[in-house]
Protein backbone atom coordinates (compact mmCIF):
# COMPACT_ATOMS: atom_id res chain seq x y z
CA MET A 1 -61.67 204.96 28.24
CA ILE A 2 -59.48 201.98 29.11
CA GLU A 3 -62.18 199.66 27.73
CA VAL A 4 -62.08 201.50 24.40
CA THR A 5 -58.30 201.19 24.26
CA ILE A 6 -58.46 197.46 25.01
CA LEU A 7 -61.21 197.04 22.40
CA ALA A 8 -59.07 198.98 19.92
CA VAL A 9 -56.08 196.71 20.46
CA ALA A 10 -58.23 193.60 20.09
CA LEU A 11 -59.97 194.83 16.93
CA SER A 12 -56.72 195.96 15.34
CA MET A 13 -55.20 192.46 15.54
CA ASP A 14 -56.84 191.38 12.25
CA SER A 15 -55.33 194.40 10.48
CA PHE A 16 -52.02 193.78 12.24
CA ALA A 17 -51.97 190.15 11.11
CA VAL A 18 -52.76 191.06 7.48
CA SER A 19 -50.15 193.84 7.60
CA ILE A 20 -47.52 191.35 8.72
CA GLY A 21 -48.40 189.20 5.71
CA LEU A 22 -48.22 192.22 3.40
CA GLY A 23 -44.83 193.14 4.82
CA THR A 24 -43.39 189.80 3.75
CA LYS A 25 -44.02 190.66 0.10
CA LYS A 26 -41.69 192.64 -2.08
CA ASN A 27 -43.56 195.86 -1.76
CA ALA A 28 -43.48 199.44 -2.88
CA PRO A 29 -42.26 202.21 -0.62
CA GLY A 30 -45.10 203.65 1.37
CA LEU A 31 -46.95 200.34 1.83
CA ALA A 32 -46.84 200.72 5.61
CA LEU A 33 -48.44 204.15 5.45
CA LYS A 34 -51.03 202.95 2.92
CA ALA A 35 -51.91 199.95 5.10
CA GLY A 36 -52.21 202.16 8.17
CA LEU A 37 -54.47 204.65 6.43
CA PHE A 38 -56.73 202.08 4.78
CA PHE A 39 -57.07 199.83 7.83
CA GLY A 40 -57.36 202.67 10.36
CA MET A 41 -60.00 204.57 8.39
CA PHE A 42 -62.12 201.51 7.68
CA GLN A 43 -61.88 200.22 11.24
CA SER A 44 -63.20 203.60 12.46
CA LEU A 45 -65.88 203.84 9.80
CA MET A 46 -67.24 200.33 10.37
CA LEU A 47 -67.24 200.80 14.14
CA PHE A 48 -69.12 204.08 13.69
CA ILE A 49 -71.70 202.38 11.45
CA GLY A 50 -72.08 199.57 13.99
CA TYR A 51 -72.50 202.06 16.83
CA PHE A 52 -75.31 203.96 15.13
CA GLY A 53 -76.93 200.74 13.95
CA GLY A 54 -76.82 199.52 17.54
CA LYS A 55 -78.28 202.81 18.78
CA GLY A 56 -81.13 202.37 16.30
CA ILE A 57 -82.13 198.94 17.54
CA LEU A 58 -81.23 199.45 21.21
CA GLY A 59 -84.77 200.55 22.05
CA TRP A 60 -86.19 197.34 20.65
CA ILE A 61 -83.79 194.98 22.38
CA GLU A 62 -82.81 197.03 25.43
CA THR A 63 -83.66 194.17 27.79
CA TYR A 64 -81.29 191.87 25.94
CA ALA A 65 -78.66 194.43 24.89
CA TYR A 66 -75.96 193.16 27.26
CA TRP A 67 -76.54 189.59 26.14
CA ALA A 68 -76.45 190.61 22.48
CA ALA A 69 -73.29 192.71 22.84
CA SER A 70 -71.59 190.00 24.87
CA GLY A 71 -72.58 187.32 22.37
CA LEU A 72 -71.33 189.38 19.43
CA LEU A 73 -67.95 190.01 21.05
CA ILE A 74 -67.55 186.35 22.02
CA LEU A 75 -68.48 185.24 18.48
CA ILE A 76 -66.09 187.74 16.89
CA GLY A 77 -63.32 186.61 19.24
CA ALA A 78 -63.96 182.95 18.49
CA LYS A 79 -63.97 183.72 14.76
CA MET A 80 -60.62 185.49 15.05
CA ILE A 81 -59.11 182.54 16.90
CA TYR A 82 -60.52 180.12 14.32
CA GLU A 83 -59.14 182.22 11.46
CA SER A 84 -55.71 182.24 13.07
CA PHE A 85 -55.41 178.57 12.11
CA GLN A 86 -56.38 179.22 8.47
CA GLU A 87 -54.16 180.26 5.61
CA GLY A 88 -54.00 184.00 5.10
CA ILE A 89 -55.17 185.68 1.92
CA GLU A 90 -51.88 187.58 1.74
CA GLU A 91 -50.11 184.60 0.15
CA ASP A 92 -52.40 184.81 -2.89
CA ILE A 93 -51.83 188.50 -3.54
CA LEU A 94 -49.29 189.21 -6.25
CA VAL A 95 -49.58 192.99 -6.56
CA ILE A 96 -50.72 195.28 -3.77
CA THR A 97 -52.94 197.87 -5.47
CA ASN A 98 -55.39 200.34 -3.96
CA LYS A 99 -58.22 197.98 -4.95
CA VAL A 100 -56.55 195.12 -3.06
CA MET A 101 -56.01 197.39 -0.05
CA LEU A 102 -59.67 198.44 -0.14
CA ILE A 103 -60.84 194.83 -0.16
CA LEU A 104 -58.47 193.91 2.67
CA ALA A 105 -59.54 196.96 4.68
CA ILE A 106 -63.21 196.09 4.35
CA THR A 107 -62.73 192.42 5.21
CA THR A 108 -60.56 193.13 8.26
CA SER A 109 -63.01 195.72 9.61
CA ILE A 110 -66.32 193.87 9.25
CA ASP A 111 -65.85 192.64 12.83
CA ALA A 112 -65.61 196.26 13.99
CA MET A 113 -69.14 196.88 12.72
CA ALA A 114 -70.48 194.16 14.99
CA ALA A 115 -68.30 195.36 17.87
CA GLY A 116 -69.65 198.88 17.37
CA PHE A 117 -72.90 197.68 18.86
CA SER A 118 -71.13 197.11 22.18
CA LEU A 119 -70.09 200.78 22.23
CA THR A 120 -73.72 201.69 22.87
CA LEU A 121 -73.33 200.11 26.30
CA LEU A 122 -70.22 202.08 27.24
CA ASP A 123 -70.29 205.60 28.59
CA VAL A 124 -68.04 207.04 25.90
CA SER A 125 -68.39 209.36 22.95
CA PRO A 126 -68.61 207.34 19.72
CA TYR A 127 -66.49 210.00 17.98
CA VAL A 128 -63.69 209.68 20.54
CA ALA A 129 -63.92 205.87 20.49
CA CYS A 130 -63.78 205.71 16.69
CA PHE A 131 -60.83 208.11 16.64
CA ILE A 132 -58.90 206.09 19.24
CA ILE A 133 -59.65 202.80 17.48
CA GLY A 134 -58.64 204.25 14.10
CA ILE A 135 -55.33 205.60 15.47
CA ILE A 136 -54.46 202.37 17.28
CA THR A 137 -55.30 200.33 14.16
CA PHE A 138 -53.15 202.72 12.09
CA ILE A 139 -50.20 202.21 14.47
CA PHE A 140 -50.58 198.41 14.52
CA SER A 141 -50.95 198.24 10.73
CA VAL A 142 -47.86 200.34 10.03
CA SER A 143 -45.90 198.32 12.60
CA GLY A 144 -47.19 195.06 11.12
CA VAL A 145 -45.79 195.84 7.67
CA PHE A 146 -42.35 196.57 9.15
CA ILE A 147 -42.46 193.50 11.39
CA GLY A 148 -43.49 191.31 8.45
CA ARG A 149 -40.70 192.73 6.34
CA HIS A 150 -38.11 191.76 8.96
CA SER A 151 -39.51 188.65 10.62
CA GLY A 152 -41.85 186.84 8.26
CA THR A 153 -45.33 185.59 9.13
CA TRP A 154 -44.68 183.60 12.32
CA LEU A 155 -46.33 186.34 14.44
CA ARG A 156 -49.50 186.66 12.32
CA SER A 157 -51.58 183.86 13.86
CA LYS A 158 -50.47 184.75 17.37
CA ALA A 159 -51.79 188.29 16.91
CA GLU A 160 -55.20 186.97 15.85
CA ILE A 161 -55.34 184.58 18.82
CA PHE A 162 -54.43 187.45 21.16
CA GLY A 163 -57.09 189.74 19.69
CA GLY A 164 -59.75 187.03 19.74
CA THR A 165 -59.01 186.19 23.35
CA ILE A 166 -59.32 189.84 24.39
CA LEU A 167 -62.68 190.17 22.61
CA ILE A 168 -63.98 187.04 24.34
CA LEU A 169 -62.85 188.39 27.71
CA ILE A 170 -64.55 191.74 27.06
CA GLY A 171 -67.74 189.87 26.12
CA ILE A 172 -67.60 187.90 29.36
CA LYS A 173 -66.92 191.09 31.35
CA ILE A 174 -70.06 192.71 29.89
CA LEU A 175 -72.13 189.80 31.20
CA ILE A 176 -70.54 189.72 34.64
CA PHE A 177 -70.57 193.43 35.39
């Protein structure tokens, strides 16, 4: 279960970083709750889709499953670190509507779909894992809006680097053990 919690923290860093950026905007009351709900639900949903997609192809690639899961996590981690040096989309958003939140939720949770494949290799219920990851993402997203409101965006890229590094380390751990 500790692996799921660590995976949850790593995957939630994208949502956390975007939430920090959203918090720097003049925003409506309830933005933190909205960000938490959108990001938490989509992180869970995409992970769930990735898990069942991985279960479907596991029989075909069972011999290479550990390599594939490790490679995916390392690639996702490297992508997160790379993106930490890029400008965030939050600066271009003028009004935070439900449509904008939906788009942000989908884009921040695409990585979770790929990471869901690695859940097939862990001895854990996918329902419990998705619930834990959704809750942790919710907490980080709500916190990110409040942190962004009070501190600005200086923490955003550091969160993505942290999350990417954790995903890379989990990918390496899968190969070693």
